[in-house]
């Protein structure tokens, strides 16, 4: 989870101020993915300065996945077949999980992303269907010789 601590002052009965630290939590809905975009470079690999409009014309952007929504909601067929006297309630909705995980490096379509600012940092909310490719580190792939 992506959490940000903040402090809140609460008056006590004995007239002393007590600090309570709570945490804010970003909860993404459905198939949305929260991405921290790569820092935009204003130079090319050879050291030439780029004009401001060049990065805006690019259609693909990349960044690190910070948080992921629960997935695509689908109705639970077992919920309708639940007996009224059953002691274990079933959820009316199930979620199909997404391929993106926290820490993945994602390439996505820039036009589909929504830019937000949270805790003085810029993030992008991207629908899972706009992600073109994920790069995941730390997984062993069989058949690959190094």
N, C-alpha and C. Protein backbone atom coordinates (compact mmCIF):
# COMPACT_ATOMS: atom_id res chain seq x y z
N UNK A 1 0.83 -1.18 0.00
CA UNK A 1 0.00 0.00 0.00
C UNK A 1 0.87 1.24 0.00
N UNK A 2 0.37 2.28 -0.59
CA UNK A 2 1.07 3.55 -0.64
C UNK A 2 0.47 4.44 0.44
N UNK A 3 1.24 4.75 1.48
CA UNK A 3 0.70 5.50 2.61
C UNK A 3 1.57 6.71 2.89
N UNK A 4 0.95 7.77 3.36
CA UNK A 4 1.64 9.00 3.71
C UNK A 4 1.28 9.36 5.13
N UNK A 5 2.25 9.44 6.05
CA UNK A 5 1.92 9.81 7.43
C UNK A 5 1.67 11.31 7.55
N UNK A 6 0.78 11.68 8.44
CA UNK A 6 0.59 13.09 8.78
C UNK A 6 0.25 13.18 10.25
N UNK A 7 0.43 14.35 10.81
CA UNK A 7 0.23 14.53 12.24
C UNK A 7 -1.01 15.37 12.49
N UNK A 8 -1.69 15.05 13.58
CA UNK A 8 -2.92 15.74 13.94
C UNK A 8 -2.89 16.00 15.44
N UNK A 9 -3.25 17.21 15.84
CA UNK A 9 -3.26 17.55 17.26
C UNK A 9 -4.66 17.31 17.82
N UNK A 10 -4.71 16.63 18.97
CA UNK A 10 -5.96 16.34 19.65
C UNK A 10 -5.84 16.85 21.08
N UNK A 11 -6.84 17.61 21.54
CA UNK A 11 -6.82 18.12 22.92
C UNK A 11 -7.21 17.01 23.88
N UNK A 12 -6.42 16.87 24.95
CA UNK A 12 -6.68 15.86 25.97
C UNK A 12 -7.49 16.48 27.10
N UNK A 13 -8.01 15.65 27.97
CA UNK A 13 -8.81 16.13 29.10
C UNK A 13 -7.96 16.89 30.10
N UNK A 14 -6.68 16.61 30.20
CA UNK A 14 -5.81 17.29 31.16
C UNK A 14 -5.11 18.50 30.53
N UNK A 15 -5.69 19.07 29.51
CA UNK A 15 -5.23 20.29 28.86
C UNK A 15 -3.87 20.14 28.16
N UNK A 16 -3.39 18.95 27.96
CA UNK A 16 -2.14 18.75 27.23
C UNK A 16 -2.47 18.32 25.81
N UNK A 17 -1.62 18.76 24.89
CA UNK A 17 -1.80 18.37 23.49
C UNK A 17 -1.09 17.04 23.26
N UNK A 18 -1.77 16.16 22.56
CA UNK A 18 -1.21 14.84 22.29
C UNK A 18 -1.14 14.66 20.78
N UNK A 19 0.00 14.22 20.31
CA UNK A 19 0.15 14.01 18.88
C UNK A 19 -0.20 12.58 18.52
N UNK A 20 -1.03 12.45 17.53
CA UNK A 20 -1.41 11.14 17.03
C UNK A 20 -0.98 11.08 15.58
N UNK A 21 -0.24 10.05 15.25
CA UNK A 21 0.20 9.91 13.88
C UNK A 21 -0.72 8.90 13.18
N UNK A 22 -1.34 9.36 12.12
CA UNK A 22 -2.20 8.49 11.32
C UNK A 22 -1.63 8.43 9.91
N UNK A 23 -2.19 7.55 9.11
CA UNK A 23 -1.68 7.38 7.76
C UNK A 23 -2.81 7.54 6.75
N UNK A 24 -2.49 8.25 5.67
CA UNK A 24 -3.40 8.32 4.55
C UNK A 24 -3.06 7.18 3.61
N UNK A 25 -4.07 6.67 2.94
CA UNK A 25 -3.87 5.53 2.07
C UNK A 25 -4.57 5.79 0.75
N UNK A 26 -3.88 5.60 -0.34
CA UNK A 26 -4.48 5.73 -1.67
C UNK A 26 -5.07 4.38 -2.05
N UNK A 27 -6.36 4.39 -2.37
CA UNK A 27 -7.03 3.17 -2.81
C UNK A 27 -7.49 3.40 -4.25
N UNK A 28 -6.96 2.62 -5.15
CA UNK A 28 -7.34 2.73 -6.55
C UNK A 28 -8.55 1.86 -6.83
N UNK A 29 -9.38 2.30 -7.73
CA UNK A 29 -10.63 1.61 -8.04
C UNK A 29 -10.48 0.85 -9.35
N UNK A 30 -10.96 -0.38 -9.36
CA UNK A 30 -11.05 -1.17 -10.59
C UNK A 30 -9.70 -1.51 -11.19
N UNK A 31 -9.55 -1.22 -12.48
CA UNK A 31 -8.35 -1.62 -13.22
C UNK A 31 -7.33 -0.50 -13.32
N UNK A 32 -7.33 0.43 -12.39
CA UNK A 32 -6.41 1.57 -12.45
C UNK A 32 -5.07 1.23 -11.81
N UNK A 33 -4.02 1.87 -12.32
CA UNK A 33 -2.65 1.66 -11.84
C UNK A 33 -2.05 3.03 -11.56
N UNK A 34 -1.42 3.21 -10.40
CA UNK A 34 -0.76 4.46 -10.03
C UNK A 34 0.72 4.32 -10.39
N UNK A 35 1.20 5.27 -11.23
CA UNK A 35 2.55 5.19 -11.76
C UNK A 35 3.31 6.47 -11.39
N UNK A 36 4.54 6.31 -10.91
CA UNK A 36 5.44 7.44 -10.71
C UNK A 36 6.24 7.59 -12.01
N UNK A 37 6.01 8.68 -12.77
CA UNK A 37 6.66 8.79 -14.08
C UNK A 37 8.15 9.01 -13.95
N UNK A 38 8.88 8.59 -14.99
CA UNK A 38 10.32 8.87 -15.06
C UNK A 38 10.52 10.36 -15.16
N UNK A 39 11.63 10.83 -14.63
CA UNK A 39 11.91 12.26 -14.73
C UNK A 39 12.20 12.60 -16.18
N UNK A 40 11.58 13.67 -16.65
CA UNK A 40 11.76 14.09 -18.03
C UNK A 40 13.15 14.67 -18.21
N UNK A 41 13.82 14.22 -19.23
CA UNK A 41 15.15 14.73 -19.54
C UNK A 41 15.01 15.80 -20.61
N UNK A 42 15.70 16.90 -20.44
CA UNK A 42 15.63 17.97 -21.44
C UNK A 42 16.82 17.92 -22.38
N UNK A 43 17.60 16.84 -22.32
CA UNK A 43 18.74 16.65 -23.21
C UNK A 43 18.67 15.29 -23.88
N UNK A 44 19.28 15.20 -25.04
CA UNK A 44 19.41 13.92 -25.72
C UNK A 44 20.61 13.19 -25.16
N UNK A 45 20.84 11.97 -25.64
CA UNK A 45 22.00 11.19 -25.19
C UNK A 45 23.31 11.86 -25.60
N UNK A 46 23.27 12.68 -26.65
CA UNK A 46 24.48 13.35 -27.13
C UNK A 46 24.65 14.74 -26.53
N UNK A 47 23.74 15.17 -25.65
CA UNK A 47 23.90 16.45 -24.97
C UNK A 47 23.17 17.62 -25.59
N UNK A 48 22.36 17.38 -26.62
CA UNK A 48 21.61 18.47 -27.24
C UNK A 48 20.38 18.79 -26.41
N UNK A 49 20.08 20.08 -26.25
CA UNK A 49 18.88 20.49 -25.50
C UNK A 49 17.65 20.34 -26.38
N UNK A 50 16.58 19.81 -25.79
CA UNK A 50 15.31 19.61 -26.50
C UNK A 50 14.37 20.77 -26.21
N UNK A 51 13.61 21.23 -27.21
CA UNK A 51 12.60 22.26 -26.94
C UNK A 51 11.48 21.70 -26.07
N UNK A 52 10.72 22.57 -25.37
CA UNK A 52 9.70 22.09 -24.43
C UNK A 52 8.61 21.21 -25.04
N UNK A 53 8.26 21.39 -26.29
CA UNK A 53 7.15 20.64 -26.88
C UNK A 53 7.50 19.24 -27.35
N UNK A 54 8.77 18.87 -27.34
CA UNK A 54 9.17 17.56 -27.88
C UNK A 54 8.64 16.42 -27.02
N UNK A 55 8.77 16.49 -25.69
CA UNK A 55 8.29 15.42 -24.81
C UNK A 55 6.78 15.27 -24.87
N UNK A 56 6.06 16.37 -25.10
CA UNK A 56 4.60 16.31 -25.16
C UNK A 56 4.10 15.60 -26.41
N UNK A 57 4.91 15.54 -27.45
CA UNK A 57 4.49 14.88 -28.69
C UNK A 57 4.70 13.38 -28.65
N UNK A 58 5.50 12.90 -27.72
CA UNK A 58 5.71 11.46 -27.63
C UNK A 58 4.43 10.78 -27.16
N UNK A 59 4.12 9.62 -27.74
CA UNK A 59 2.89 8.92 -27.41
C UNK A 59 3.06 7.90 -26.29
N UNK A 60 4.29 7.47 -26.02
CA UNK A 60 4.55 6.45 -25.01
C UNK A 60 5.36 7.07 -23.89
N UNK A 61 4.98 6.74 -22.66
CA UNK A 61 5.70 7.21 -21.48
C UNK A 61 5.98 6.02 -20.59
N UNK A 62 6.91 6.17 -19.66
CA UNK A 62 7.27 5.06 -18.78
C UNK A 62 7.35 5.52 -17.34
N UNK A 63 7.32 4.55 -16.43
CA UNK A 63 7.44 4.87 -15.01
C UNK A 63 7.33 3.61 -14.16
N UNK A 64 7.48 3.80 -12.85
CA UNK A 64 7.44 2.70 -11.89
C UNK A 64 6.02 2.59 -11.32
N UNK A 65 5.48 1.38 -11.25
CA UNK A 65 4.15 1.14 -10.69
C UNK A 65 4.25 1.26 -9.17
N UNK A 66 3.45 2.17 -8.59
CA UNK A 66 3.46 2.44 -7.16
C UNK A 66 2.34 1.67 -6.45
N UNK A 67 1.16 1.64 -7.07
CA UNK A 67 0.00 0.98 -6.46
C UNK A 67 -0.90 0.45 -7.57
N UNK A 68 -1.65 -0.59 -7.26
CA UNK A 68 -2.50 -1.25 -8.26
C UNK A 68 -3.90 -1.43 -7.68
N UNK A 69 -4.92 -1.22 -8.51
CA UNK A 69 -6.30 -1.45 -8.10
C UNK A 69 -6.58 -2.95 -7.97
N UNK A 70 -7.79 -3.31 -7.49
CA UNK A 70 -8.11 -4.73 -7.27
C UNK A 70 -8.27 -5.54 -8.55
N UNK A 71 -8.60 -4.92 -9.66
CA UNK A 71 -8.76 -5.64 -10.91
C UNK A 71 -10.13 -5.41 -11.51
N UNK A 72 -10.47 -6.24 -12.49
CA UNK A 72 -11.76 -6.13 -13.16
C UNK A 72 -12.84 -6.80 -12.30
N UNK A 73 -13.93 -6.10 -12.05
CA UNK A 73 -15.02 -6.66 -11.25
C UNK A 73 -15.90 -7.56 -12.11
N UNK A 74 -16.18 -8.76 -11.61
CA UNK A 74 -17.08 -9.70 -12.28
C UNK A 74 -18.07 -10.23 -11.24
N UNK A 75 -19.30 -10.52 -11.64
CA UNK A 75 -20.26 -11.03 -10.66
C UNK A 75 -19.87 -12.43 -10.19
N UNK A 76 -20.13 -12.70 -8.93
CA UNK A 76 -19.82 -14.00 -8.33
C UNK A 76 -21.02 -14.92 -8.54
N UNK A 77 -20.90 -15.98 -9.36
CA UNK A 77 -22.05 -16.87 -9.61
C UNK A 77 -22.47 -17.64 -8.36
N UNK A 78 -21.57 -17.85 -7.42
CA UNK A 78 -21.92 -18.58 -6.21
C UNK A 78 -22.73 -17.73 -5.24
N UNK A 79 -22.73 -16.41 -5.43
CA UNK A 79 -23.48 -15.53 -4.55
C UNK A 79 -24.98 -15.73 -4.72
N UNK A 80 -25.43 -15.99 -5.96
CA UNK A 80 -26.85 -16.19 -6.22
C UNK A 80 -27.35 -17.53 -5.69
N UNK A 81 -26.46 -18.52 -5.64
CA UNK A 81 -26.83 -19.86 -5.18
C UNK A 81 -26.72 -20.02 -3.67
N UNK A 82 -26.44 -18.95 -2.96
CA UNK A 82 -26.23 -19.02 -1.52
C UNK A 82 -27.56 -19.25 -0.79
N UNK A 83 -27.57 -20.24 0.11
CA UNK A 83 -28.77 -20.51 0.90
C UNK A 83 -28.92 -19.44 1.96
N UNK A 84 -30.16 -19.15 2.34
CA UNK A 84 -30.42 -18.09 3.31
C UNK A 84 -29.89 -18.45 4.70
N UNK A 85 -29.81 -19.72 5.03
CA UNK A 85 -29.37 -20.12 6.36
C UNK A 85 -27.84 -20.33 6.44
N UNK A 86 -27.15 -20.06 5.35
CA UNK A 86 -25.70 -20.24 5.34
C UNK A 86 -25.03 -19.25 6.30
N UNK A 87 -24.06 -19.76 7.06
CA UNK A 87 -23.35 -18.91 8.03
C UNK A 87 -22.13 -18.22 7.43
N UNK A 88 -21.66 -18.67 6.29
CA UNK A 88 -20.52 -18.03 5.64
C UNK A 88 -21.01 -17.20 4.46
N UNK A 89 -21.11 -15.89 4.64
CA UNK A 89 -21.58 -15.06 3.53
C UNK A 89 -20.55 -15.00 2.41
N UNK A 90 -21.04 -14.90 1.20
CA UNK A 90 -20.17 -14.81 0.04
C UNK A 90 -20.26 -13.39 -0.53
N UNK A 91 -19.17 -12.96 -1.12
CA UNK A 91 -19.11 -11.62 -1.72
C UNK A 91 -19.90 -11.61 -3.03
N UNK A 92 -20.67 -10.53 -3.29
CA UNK A 92 -21.43 -10.47 -4.54
C UNK A 92 -20.55 -10.22 -5.76
N UNK A 93 -19.33 -9.71 -5.54
CA UNK A 93 -18.44 -9.39 -6.65
C UNK A 93 -17.07 -10.02 -6.40
N UNK A 94 -16.49 -10.56 -7.46
CA UNK A 94 -15.12 -11.05 -7.40
C UNK A 94 -14.29 -10.20 -8.36
N UNK A 95 -12.99 -10.19 -8.16
CA UNK A 95 -12.11 -9.39 -9.00
C UNK A 95 -11.10 -10.28 -9.72
N UNK A 96 -10.93 -10.02 -11.02
CA UNK A 96 -9.87 -10.67 -11.78
C UNK A 96 -8.62 -9.82 -11.57
N UNK A 97 -7.56 -10.38 -11.03
CA UNK A 97 -6.38 -9.57 -10.73
C UNK A 97 -5.69 -9.07 -11.99
N UNK A 98 -4.95 -7.99 -11.84
CA UNK A 98 -4.23 -7.38 -12.95
C UNK A 98 -2.83 -7.96 -13.08
N UNK A 99 -2.23 -7.78 -14.23
CA UNK A 99 -0.86 -8.26 -14.43
C UNK A 99 0.15 -7.36 -13.75
N UNK A 100 -0.14 -6.07 -13.66
CA UNK A 100 0.81 -5.13 -13.07
C UNK A 100 0.90 -5.35 -11.56
N UNK A 101 2.12 -5.26 -11.04
CA UNK A 101 2.37 -5.37 -9.61
C UNK A 101 3.21 -4.19 -9.17
N UNK A 102 3.21 -3.91 -7.87
CA UNK A 102 4.01 -2.83 -7.34
C UNK A 102 5.48 -3.09 -7.62
N UNK A 103 6.18 -2.07 -8.09
CA UNK A 103 7.60 -2.19 -8.39
C UNK A 103 7.91 -2.50 -9.84
N UNK A 104 6.91 -2.84 -10.64
CA UNK A 104 7.14 -3.09 -12.07
C UNK A 104 7.46 -1.79 -12.79
N UNK A 105 8.19 -1.90 -13.89
CA UNK A 105 8.47 -0.76 -14.75
C UNK A 105 7.50 -0.86 -15.92
N UNK A 106 6.67 0.17 -16.13
CA UNK A 106 5.60 0.10 -17.12
C UNK A 106 5.82 1.09 -18.27
N UNK A 107 5.53 0.65 -19.47
CA UNK A 107 5.44 1.52 -20.65
C UNK A 107 3.96 1.62 -20.99
N UNK A 108 3.44 2.85 -21.12
CA UNK A 108 2.02 3.03 -21.32
C UNK A 108 1.76 4.19 -22.27
N UNK A 109 0.52 4.28 -22.76
CA UNK A 109 0.11 5.36 -23.66
C UNK A 109 -0.11 6.64 -22.86
N UNK A 110 0.56 7.70 -23.25
CA UNK A 110 0.50 8.97 -22.53
C UNK A 110 -0.90 9.58 -22.57
N UNK A 111 -1.61 9.43 -23.68
CA UNK A 111 -2.93 10.05 -23.83
C UNK A 111 -3.96 9.50 -22.85
N UNK A 112 -3.79 8.26 -22.40
CA UNK A 112 -4.75 7.63 -21.50
C UNK A 112 -4.50 7.95 -20.03
N UNK A 113 -3.34 8.51 -19.72
CA UNK A 113 -2.97 8.76 -18.33
C UNK A 113 -3.58 10.06 -17.81
N UNK A 114 -3.91 10.06 -16.51
CA UNK A 114 -4.43 11.25 -15.83
C UNK A 114 -3.39 11.66 -14.80
N UNK A 115 -2.93 12.91 -14.90
CA UNK A 115 -1.88 13.38 -14.01
C UNK A 115 -2.48 13.95 -12.73
N UNK A 116 -1.92 13.54 -11.57
CA UNK A 116 -2.34 14.07 -10.28
C UNK A 116 -1.10 14.48 -9.50
N UNK A 117 -1.29 15.29 -8.48
CA UNK A 117 -0.20 15.65 -7.59
C UNK A 117 -0.62 15.28 -6.17
N UNK A 118 0.23 14.50 -5.50
CA UNK A 118 -0.04 14.04 -4.14
C UNK A 118 1.23 14.17 -3.33
N UNK A 119 1.16 14.85 -2.22
CA UNK A 119 2.31 15.05 -1.35
C UNK A 119 3.47 15.69 -2.11
N UNK A 120 3.15 16.67 -2.93
CA UNK A 120 4.10 17.45 -3.72
C UNK A 120 4.89 16.61 -4.72
N UNK A 121 4.35 15.48 -5.13
CA UNK A 121 4.95 14.65 -6.18
C UNK A 121 3.92 14.39 -7.26
N UNK A 122 4.37 14.27 -8.49
CA UNK A 122 3.46 14.01 -9.60
C UNK A 122 3.35 12.52 -9.84
N UNK A 123 2.11 12.07 -10.03
CA UNK A 123 1.81 10.67 -10.33
C UNK A 123 0.86 10.64 -11.52
N UNK A 124 0.77 9.48 -12.13
CA UNK A 124 -0.16 9.26 -13.23
C UNK A 124 -1.06 8.08 -12.89
N UNK A 125 -2.36 8.26 -13.12
CA UNK A 125 -3.30 7.15 -12.98
C UNK A 125 -3.58 6.64 -14.39
N UNK A 126 -3.24 5.37 -14.60
CA UNK A 126 -3.31 4.78 -15.93
C UNK A 126 -4.25 3.59 -15.90
N UNK A 127 -5.20 3.49 -16.85
CA UNK A 127 -6.01 2.27 -16.92
C UNK A 127 -5.13 1.10 -17.39
N UNK A 128 -5.43 -0.09 -16.90
CA UNK A 128 -4.61 -1.25 -17.21
C UNK A 128 -4.58 -1.53 -18.71
N UNK A 129 -5.64 -1.18 -19.41
CA UNK A 129 -5.69 -1.43 -20.86
C UNK A 129 -4.73 -0.53 -21.63
N UNK A 130 -4.23 0.55 -21.03
CA UNK A 130 -3.30 1.45 -21.71
C UNK A 130 -1.84 1.05 -21.50
N UNK A 131 -1.58 0.05 -20.66
CA UNK A 131 -0.21 -0.40 -20.44
C UNK A 131 0.21 -1.29 -21.60
N UNK A 132 1.34 -0.95 -22.22
CA UNK A 132 1.83 -1.70 -23.36
C UNK A 132 2.76 -2.84 -22.95
N UNK A 133 3.60 -2.57 -21.93
CA UNK A 133 4.59 -3.56 -21.55
C UNK A 133 4.98 -3.36 -20.09
N UNK A 134 5.28 -4.46 -19.41
CA UNK A 134 5.75 -4.43 -18.03
C UNK A 134 7.12 -5.10 -17.96
N UNK A 135 8.02 -4.50 -17.20
CA UNK A 135 9.32 -5.11 -16.96
C UNK A 135 9.38 -5.41 -15.47
N UNK A 136 9.49 -6.68 -15.13
CA UNK A 136 9.50 -7.11 -13.73
C UNK A 136 10.88 -7.66 -13.41
N UNK A 137 11.45 -7.17 -12.33
CA UNK A 137 12.77 -7.63 -11.92
C UNK A 137 12.65 -8.70 -10.85
N UNK A 138 13.65 -9.56 -10.78
CA UNK A 138 13.71 -10.54 -9.71
C UNK A 138 13.04 -11.86 -10.02
N UNK A 139 12.49 -12.04 -11.21
CA UNK A 139 11.89 -13.32 -11.55
C UNK A 139 12.87 -14.15 -12.35
N UNK A 140 12.92 -15.42 -12.06
CA UNK A 140 13.78 -16.34 -12.79
C UNK A 140 13.00 -16.89 -13.96
N UNK A 141 13.58 -16.78 -15.16
CA UNK A 141 12.94 -17.30 -16.35
C UNK A 141 13.66 -18.57 -16.77
N UNK A 142 12.90 -19.66 -16.88
CA UNK A 142 13.50 -20.94 -17.25
C UNK A 142 13.86 -20.93 -18.72
N UNK A 143 14.92 -21.60 -19.04
CA UNK A 143 15.34 -21.72 -20.44
C UNK A 143 16.23 -20.58 -20.88
N UNK A 144 16.48 -19.62 -20.04
CA UNK A 144 17.34 -18.51 -20.39
C UNK A 144 18.74 -18.81 -19.84
N UNK A 145 19.70 -18.89 -20.67
CA UNK A 145 21.08 -19.17 -20.25
C UNK A 145 21.81 -17.86 -20.10
N UNK A 146 22.53 -17.68 -19.00
CA UNK A 146 23.31 -16.46 -18.81
C UNK A 146 24.78 -16.75 -18.82
